[in-house]
Amino acid sequence: MIRSVKRSGALLFALMLTGCVVQQQTPAPVEPTQPTTPTQPVEPTPQPVPPPQTVPQPPKLKTINWDASVQPLVGKMVQSSGVNPGSVLLVDRIKNSTNGALQTDKATDAIQNALANNGKFTLITPEQLAQAKQTLGLSPDDSLNSRSKAIGLARNVNAQYVLYSNAQGDVKSPTLQMQLMLVQTGEIIWSGNGIAQP
């Protein structure tokens, strides 16, 4: 009997040991992969180029025939009485008093061209004018848009007369006003008006 208890104890012990055996765990599933072949990099598909934006046109300057506009006024001024032949004249840059942009340099050039061979005035040259401005400490671009500046400059270059010009009103058809002033007194000895010609 003792033998049977020993055997059964040993058997029981063996069974207990078998119960302690760790159950095998199933391995994680392995998914087979397909071999990949190296591919070339995919270039992005070009995006369509948007049509260029239309750039707004700058406002067009009103084209004025300055030669035709100033010629009648200059003709009347040269014919006016009270001007001594051979006098020195300073042509002041035309002042823009209109409601827009005006080509004042072209207008001033047209006045000087109209007076170039008039037989009555000797004009101050642009070089003399630039030198006088420098002497008086004025900027070379100073348009002398005041009568007192123009008269002061005319005195510096020994001119007897100053022609002061002004464009006023609507920029599309400005009115030109010219005044011939005696430098010594500042007196206006001739004045004329005219409409600018397109």
C-alpha atoms as a PDB file:
ATOM      1  CA  MET A   1       0.000   0.000   0.000  1.00  0.00           C
ATOM      2  CA  ILE A   2       2.762   2.297   0.767  1.00  0.00           C
ATOM      3  CA  ARG A   3       4.056   1.532  -2.603  1.00  0.00           C
ATOM      4  CA  SER A   4       0.842   2.418  -4.239  1.00  0.00           C
ATOM      5  CA  VAL A   5       0.692   5.701  -2.306  1.00  0.00           C
ATOM      6  CA  LYS A   6       4.219   6.408  -3.366  1.00  0.00           C
ATOM      7  CA  ARG A   7       3.381   5.668  -6.905  1.00  0.00           C
ATOM      8  CA  SER A   8       0.219   7.637  -6.823  1.00  0.00           C
ATOM      9  CA  GLY A   9       2.065  10.517  -5.097  1.00  0.00           C
ATOM     10  CA  ALA A  10       4.735  10.369  -7.763  1.00  0.00           C
ATOM     11  CA  LEU A  11       2.088  10.204 -10.417  1.00  0.00           C
ATOM     12  CA  LEU A  12       0.242  13.079  -8.849  1.00  0.00           C
ATOM     13  CA  PHE A  13       3.440  15.018  -8.638  1.00  0.00           C
ATOM     14  CA  ALA A  14       4.147  14.339 -12.304  1.00  0.00           C
ATOM     15  CA  LEU A  15       0.667  15.405 -13.265  1.00  0.00           C
ATOM     16  CA  MET A  16       1.071  18.617 -11.354  1.00  0.00           C
ATOM     17  CA  LEU A  17       4.279  19.271 -13.114  1.00  0.00           C
ATOM     18  CA  THR A  18       2.677  18.711 -16.462  1.00  0.00           C
ATOM     19  CA  GLY A  19      -0.073  21.140 -15.506  1.00  0.00           C
ATOM     20  CA  CYS A  20       2.551  23.805 -14.884  1.00  0.00           C
ATOM     21  CA  VAL A  21       3.900  23.491 -18.327  1.00  0.00           C
ATOM     22  CA  VAL A  22       3.452  26.778 -20.040  1.00  0.00           C
ATOM     23  CA  GLN A  23       1.216  26.524 -22.958  1.00  0.00           C
ATOM     24  CA  GLN A  24       2.853  27.378 -26.156  1.00  0.00           C
ATOM     25  CA  GLN A  25       1.796  30.629 -27.600  1.00  0.00           C
ATOM     26  CA  THR A  26       1.039  30.821 -31.232  1.00  0.00           C
ATOM     27  CA  PRO A  27       3.487  33.077 -33.051  1.00  0.00           C
ATOM     28  CA  ALA A  28       2.267  36.357 -34.521  1.00  0.00           C
ATOM     29  CA  PRO A  29       1.103  35.929 -38.081  1.00  0.00           C
ATOM     30  CA  VAL A  30       3.698  36.913 -40.640  1.00  0.00           C
ATOM     31  CA  GLU A  31       2.401  38.481 -43.762  1.00  0.00           C
ATOM     32  CA  PRO A  32       4.449  37.685 -46.799  1.00  0.00           C
ATOM     33  CA  THR A  33       5.749  40.725 -48.689  1.00  0.00           C
ATOM     34  CA  GLN A  34       6.232  40.985 -52.351  1.00  0.00           C
ATOM     35  CA  PRO A  35       9.673  41.989 -53.506  1.00  0.00           C
ATOM     36  CA  THR A  36       9.607  45.568 -54.761  1.00  0.00           C
ATOM     37  CA  THR A  37      11.452  46.803 -57.742  1.00  0.00           C
ATOM     38  CA  PRO A  38      13.000  50.234 -57.440  1.00  0.00           C
ATOM     39  CA  THR A  39      10.797  52.736 -59.201  1.00  0.00           C
ATOM     40  CA  GLN A  40      11.755  56.094 -60.570  1.00  0.00           C
ATOM     41  CA  PRO A  41      10.571  59.070 -58.556  1.00  0.00           C
ATOM     42  CA  VAL A  42       7.196  60.243 -59.664  1.00  0.00           C
ATOM     43  CA  GLU A  43       7.447  63.730 -61.036  1.00  0.00           C
ATOM     44  CA  PRO A  44       4.574  66.001 -60.127  1.00  0.00           C
ATOM     45  CA  THR A  45       2.307  66.714 -62.997  1.00  0.00           C
ATOM     46  CA  PRO A  46       2.828  70.285 -64.131  1.00  0.00           C
ATOM     47  CA  GLN A  47       0.033  72.596 -63.159  1.00  0.00           C
ATOM     48  CA  PRO A  48      -1.466  74.595 -65.982  1.00  0.00           C
ATOM     49  CA  VAL A  49      -0.040  78.095 -66.136  1.00  0.00           C
ATOM     50  CA  PRO A  50      -2.744  80.625 -65.358  1.00  0.00           C
ATOM     51  CA  PRO A  51      -3.282  83.176 -68.106  1.00  0.00           C
ATOM     52  CA  PRO A  52      -1.361  86.399 -67.469  1.00  0.00           C
ATOM     53  CA  GLN A  53      -3.295  89.075 -65.692  1.00  0.00           C
ATOM     54  CA  THR A  54      -4.017  92.045 -67.815  1.00  0.00           C
ATOM     55  CA  VAL A  55      -2.110  95.042 -66.578  1.00  0.00           C
ATOM     56  CA  PRO A  56      -4.272  98.137 -66.519  1.00  0.00           C
ATOM     57  CA  GLN A  57      -3.182 100.778 -68.982  1.00  0.00           C
ATOM     58  CA  PRO A  58      -1.757 103.906 -67.401  1.00  0.00           C
ATOM     59  CA  PRO A  59      -3.885 106.956 -67.897  1.00  0.00           C
ATOM     60  CA  LYS A  60      -3.081 108.536 -71.205  1.00  0.00           C
ATOM     61  CA  LEU A  61      -1.831 112.064 -71.120  1.00  0.00           C
ATOM     62  CA  LYS A  62      -3.867 114.347 -73.245  1.00  0.00           C
ATOM     63  CA  THR A  63      -1.783 115.123 -76.288  1.00  0.00           C
ATOM     64  CA  ILE A  64      -1.714 118.817 -76.908  1.00  0.00           C
ATOM     65  CA  ASN A  65      -0.173 120.518 -79.901  1.00  0.00           C
ATOM     66  CA  TRP A  66       1.855 122.983 -77.872  1.00  0.00           C
ATOM     67  CA  ASP A  67       3.410 124.675 -80.892  1.00  0.00           C
ATOM     68  CA  ALA A  68      -0.019 125.489 -82.345  1.00  0.00           C
ATOM     69  CA  SER A  69      -1.290 126.484 -78.892  1.00  0.00           C
ATOM     70  CA  VAL A  70       1.425 129.000 -77.972  1.00  0.00           C
ATOM     71  CA  GLN A  71       2.208 130.456 -81.423  1.00  0.00           C
ATOM     72  CA  PRO A  72      -0.800 132.840 -81.577  1.00  0.00           C
ATOM     73  CA  LEU A  73      -0.152 134.106 -78.041  1.00  0.00           C
ATOM     74  CA  VAL A  74       3.553 134.645 -78.648  1.00  0.00           C
ATOM     75  CA  GLY A  75       2.725 136.440 -81.922  1.00  0.00           C
ATOM     76  CA  LYS A  76       0.400 138.846 -80.100  1.00  0.00           C
ATOM     77  CA  MET A  77       2.965 139.445 -77.356  1.00  0.00           C
ATOM     78  CA  VAL A  78       5.744 140.272 -79.828  1.00  0.00           C
ATOM     79  CA  GLN A  79       3.421 142.739 -81.616  1.00  0.00           C
ATOM     80  CA  SER A  80       2.420 144.468 -78.381  1.00  0.00           C
ATOM     81  CA  SER A  81       3.574 148.026 -77.792  1.00  0.00           C
ATOM     82  CA  GLY A  82       5.874 148.925 -74.950  1.00  0.00           C
ATOM     83  CA  VAL A  83       8.495 146.243 -75.641  1.00  0.00           C
ATOM     84  CA  ASN A  84      11.932 147.539 -76.581  1.00  0.00           C
ATOM     85  CA  PRO A  85      13.553 145.539 -79.389  1.00  0.00           C
ATOM     86  CA  GLY A  86      16.667 143.631 -78.297  1.00  0.00           C
ATOM     87  CA  SER A  87      15.487 143.268 -74.702  1.00  0.00           C
ATOM     88  CA  VAL A  88      16.538 140.207 -72.711  1.00  0.00           C
ATOM     89  CA  LEU A  89      13.669 137.845 -71.852  1.00  0.00           C
ATOM     90  CA  LEU A  90      13.525 135.061 -69.291  1.00  0.00           C
ATOM     91  CA  VAL A  91      10.910 132.447 -70.183  1.00  0.00           C
ATOM     92  CA  ASP A  92       9.608 130.967 -66.947  1.00  0.00           C
ATOM     93  CA  ARG A  93       8.563 127.324 -66.982  1.00  0.00           C
ATOM     94  CA  ILE A  94       4.822 126.976 -67.523  1.00  0.00           C
ATOM     95  CA  LYS A  95       2.879 126.393 -64.312  1.00  0.00           C
ATOM     96  CA  ASN A  96       0.332 123.560 -64.248  1.00  0.00           C
ATOM     97  CA  SER A  97      -2.849 124.682 -62.472  1.00  0.00           C
ATOM     98  CA  THR A  98      -5.070 122.115 -64.220  1.00  0.00           C
ATOM     99  CA  ASN A  99      -6.867 119.169 -62.642  1.00  0.00           C
ATOM    100  CA  GLY A 100      -4.370 116.578 -63.972  1.00  0.00           C
ATOM    101  CA  ALA A 101      -0.920 115.797 -65.339  1.00  0.00           C
ATOM    102  CA  LEU A 102       0.358 118.065 -68.071  1.00  0.00           C
ATOM    103  CA  GLN A 103       3.510 117.965 -70.192  1.00  0.00           C
ATOM    104  CA  THR A 104       4.859 121.276 -68.940  1.00  0.00           C
ATOM    105  CA  ASP A 105       8.376 120.720 -70.299  1.00  0.00           C
ATOM    106  CA  LYS A 106       7.021 120.361 -73.841  1.00  0.00           C
ATOM    107  CA  ALA A 107       4.888 123.456 -73.369  1.00  0.00           C
ATOM    108  CA  THR A 108       7.850 125.499 -72.130  1.00  0.00           C
ATOM    109  CA  ASP A 109       9.993 124.262 -75.041  1.00  0.00           C
ATOM    110  CA  ALA A 110       7.248 125.283 -77.479  1.00  0.00           C
ATOM    111  CA  ILE A 111       7.209 128.822 -76.027  1.00  0.00           C
ATOM    112  CA  GLN A 112      10.984 129.102 -76.334  1.00  0.00           C
ATOM    113  CA  ASN A 113      10.883 127.742 -79.891  1.00  0.00           C
ATOM    114  CA  ALA A 114       8.184 130.269 -80.832  1.00  0.00           C
ATOM    115  CA  LEU A 115      10.375 133.071 -79.469  1.00  0.00           C
ATOM    116  CA  ALA A 116      13.657 131.775 -80.927  1.00  0.00           C
ATOM    117  CA  ASN A 117      13.843 134.067 -83.976  1.00  0.00           C
ATOM    118  CA  ASN A 118      11.321 136.738 -83.076  1.00  0.00           C
ATOM    119  CA  GLY A 119      13.604 139.736 -83.687  1.00  0.00           C
ATOM    120  CA  LYS A 120      12.397 141.494 -80.564  1.00  0.00           C
ATOM    121  CA  PHE A 121      13.816 139.488 -77.634  1.00  0.00           C
ATOM    122  CA  THR A 122      17.097 137.875 -76.761  1.00  0.00           C
ATOM    123  CA  LEU A 123      16.328 134.752 -74.717  1.00  0.00           C
ATOM    124  CA  ILE A 124      18.148 133.584 -71.601  1.00  0.00           C
ATOM    125  CA  THR A 125      19.709 130.223 -72.476  1.00  0.00           C
ATOM    126  CA  PRO A 126      19.042 127.101 -70.389  1.00  0.00           C
ATOM    127  CA  GLU A 127      22.733 127.153 -69.353  1.00  0.00           C
ATOM    128  CA  GLN A 128      22.459 130.734 -68.084  1.00  0.00           C
ATOM    129  CA  LEU A 129      19.271 129.808 -66.249  1.00  0.00           C
ATOM    130  CA  ALA A 130      20.910 126.768 -64.599  1.00  0.00           C
ATOM    131  CA  GLN A 131      23.911 128.869 -63.525  1.00  0.00           C
ATOM    132  CA  ALA A 132      21.662 131.574 -62.048  1.00  0.00           C
ATOM    133  CA  LYS A 133      19.615 128.966 -60.128  1.00  0.00           C
ATOM    134  CA  GLN A 134      22.813 127.524 -58.681  1.00  0.00           C
ATOM    135  CA  THR A 135      24.012 131.007 -57.692  1.00  0.00           C
ATOM    136  CA  LEU A 136      20.722 131.714 -55.910  1.00  0.00           C
ATOM    137  CA  GLY A 137      20.693 128.290 -54.208  1.00  0.00           C
ATOM    138  CA  LEU A 138      17.650 127.063 -56.122  1.00  0.00           C
ATOM    139  CA  SER A 139      17.235 123.467 -57.211  1.00  0.00           C
ATOM    140  CA  PRO A 140      17.934 122.901 -60.941  1.00  0.00           C
ATOM    141  CA  ASP A 141      14.397 121.452 -61.159  1.00  0.00           C
ATOM    142  CA  ASP A 142      12.775 124.445 -59.459  1.00  0.00           C
ATOM    143  CA  SER A 143       9.963 125.539 -61.748  1.00  0.00           C
ATOM    144  CA  LEU A 144       9.854 129.076 -60.269  1.00  0.00           C
ATOM    145  CA  ASN A 145       6.096 128.797 -59.890  1.00  0.00           C
ATOM    146  CA  SER A 146       5.892 132.169 -58.224  1.00  0.00           C
ATOM    147  CA  ARG A 147       6.275 135.556 -59.858  1.00  0.00           C
ATOM    148  CA  SER A 148       8.631 136.808 -57.154  1.00  0.00           C
ATOM    149  CA  LYS A 149      11.078 133.920 -57.719  1.00  0.00           C
ATOM    150  CA  ALA A 150      10.956 134.461 -61.473  1.00  0.00           C
ATOM    151  CA  ILE A 151      11.622 138.195 -61.114  1.00  0.00           C
ATOM    152  CA  GLY A 152      14.483 137.570 -58.667  1.00  0.00           C
ATOM    153  CA  LEU A 153      16.056 135.117 -61.096  1.00  0.00           C
ATOM    154  CA  ALA A 154      15.545 137.505 -64.023  1.00  0.00           C
ATOM    155  CA  ARG A 155      17.367 140.238 -62.103  1.00  0.00           C
ATOM    156  CA  ASN A 156      20.254 137.848 -61.498  1.00  0.00           C
ATOM    157  CA  VAL A 157      20.654 137.187 -65.250  1.00  0.00           C
ATOM    158  CA  ASN A 158      20.073 140.856 -66.180  1.00  0.00           C
ATOM    159  CA  ALA A 159      16.829 140.190 -68.056  1.00  0.00           C
ATOM    160  CA  GLN A 160      14.474 143.116 -68.634  1.00  0.00           C
ATOM    161  CA  TYR A 161      11.353 140.929 -69.022  1.00  0.00           C
ATOM    162  CA  VAL A 162       9.914 137.695 -67.656  1.00  0.00           C
ATOM    163  CA  LEU A 163       7.264 135.671 -69.478  1.00  0.00           C
ATOM    164  CA  TYR A 164       5.098 133.970 -66.843  1.00  0.00           C
ATOM    165  CA  SER A 165       2.799 131.235 -68.216  1.00  0.00           C
ATOM    166  CA  ASN A 166       0.034 129.234 -66.587  1.00  0.00           C
ATOM    167  CA  ALA A 167      -2.188 126.356 -67.775  1.00  0.00           C
ATOM    168  CA  GLN A 168      -5.475 126.160 -65.888  1.00  0.00           C
ATOM    169  CA  GLY A 169      -8.892 124.502 -65.969  1.00  0.00           C
ATOM    170  CA  ASP A 170      -9.611 121.038 -67.353  1.00  0.00           C
ATOM    171  CA  VAL A 171      -6.474 119.112 -68.308  1.00  0.00           C
ATOM    172  CA  LYS A 172      -8.187 117.852 -71.499  1.00  0.00           C
ATOM    173  CA  SER A 173      -8.502 121.386 -72.880  1.00  0.00           C
ATOM    174  CA  PRO A 174      -6.601 123.787 -70.635  1.00  0.00           C
ATOM    175  CA  THR A 175      -6.659 127.523 -70.942  1.00  0.00           C
ATOM    176  CA  LEU A 176      -3.227 129.089 -71.379  1.00  0.00           C
ATOM    177  CA  GLN A 177      -2.520 132.410 -69.763  1.00  0.00           C
ATOM    178  CA  MET A 178       0.662 134.358 -70.468  1.00  0.00           C
ATOM    179  CA  GLN A 179       1.872 137.526 -68.791  1.00  0.00           C
ATOM    180  CA  LEU A 180       4.864 139.595 -69.850  1.00  0.00           C
ATOM    181  CA  MET A 181       6.262 141.383 -66.807  1.00  0.00           C
ATOM    182  CA  LEU A 182       8.771 144.186 -66.574  1.00  0.00           C
ATOM    183  CA  VAL A 183      11.503 142.970 -64.208  1.00  0.00           C
ATOM    184  CA  GLN A 184      12.355 146.405 -62.819  1.00  0.00           C
ATOM    185  CA  THR A 185       8.858 147.155 -61.530  1.00  0.00           C
ATOM    186  CA  GLY A 186       6.987 143.806 -61.669  1.00  0.00           C
ATOM    187  CA  GLU A 187       4.375 145.531 -63.865  1.00  0.00           C
ATOM    188  CA  ILE A 188       2.422 143.324 -66.279  1.00  0.00           C
ATOM    189  CA  ILE A 189       2.821 145.027 -69.658  1.00  0.00           C
ATOM    190  CA  TRP A 190       1.042 142.378 -71.728  1.00  0.00           C
ATOM    191  CA  SER A 191      -1.393 139.566 -70.952  1.00  0.00           C
ATOM    192  CA  GLY A 192      -3.053 137.021 -73.213  1.00  0.00           C
ATOM    193  CA  ASN A 193      -5.258 133.909 -72.997  1.00  0.00           C
ATOM    194  CA  GLY A 194      -5.914 131.035 -75.337  1.00  0.00           C
ATOM    195  CA  ILE A 195      -7.277 127.476 -75.411  1.00  0.00           C
ATOM    196  CA  ALA A 196      -4.733 124.691 -75.899  1.00  0.00           C
ATOM    197  CA  GLN A 197      -5.053 123.006 -79.281  1.00  0.00           C
ATOM    198  CA  PRO A 198      -5.306 119.187 -79.495  1.00  0.00           C
END
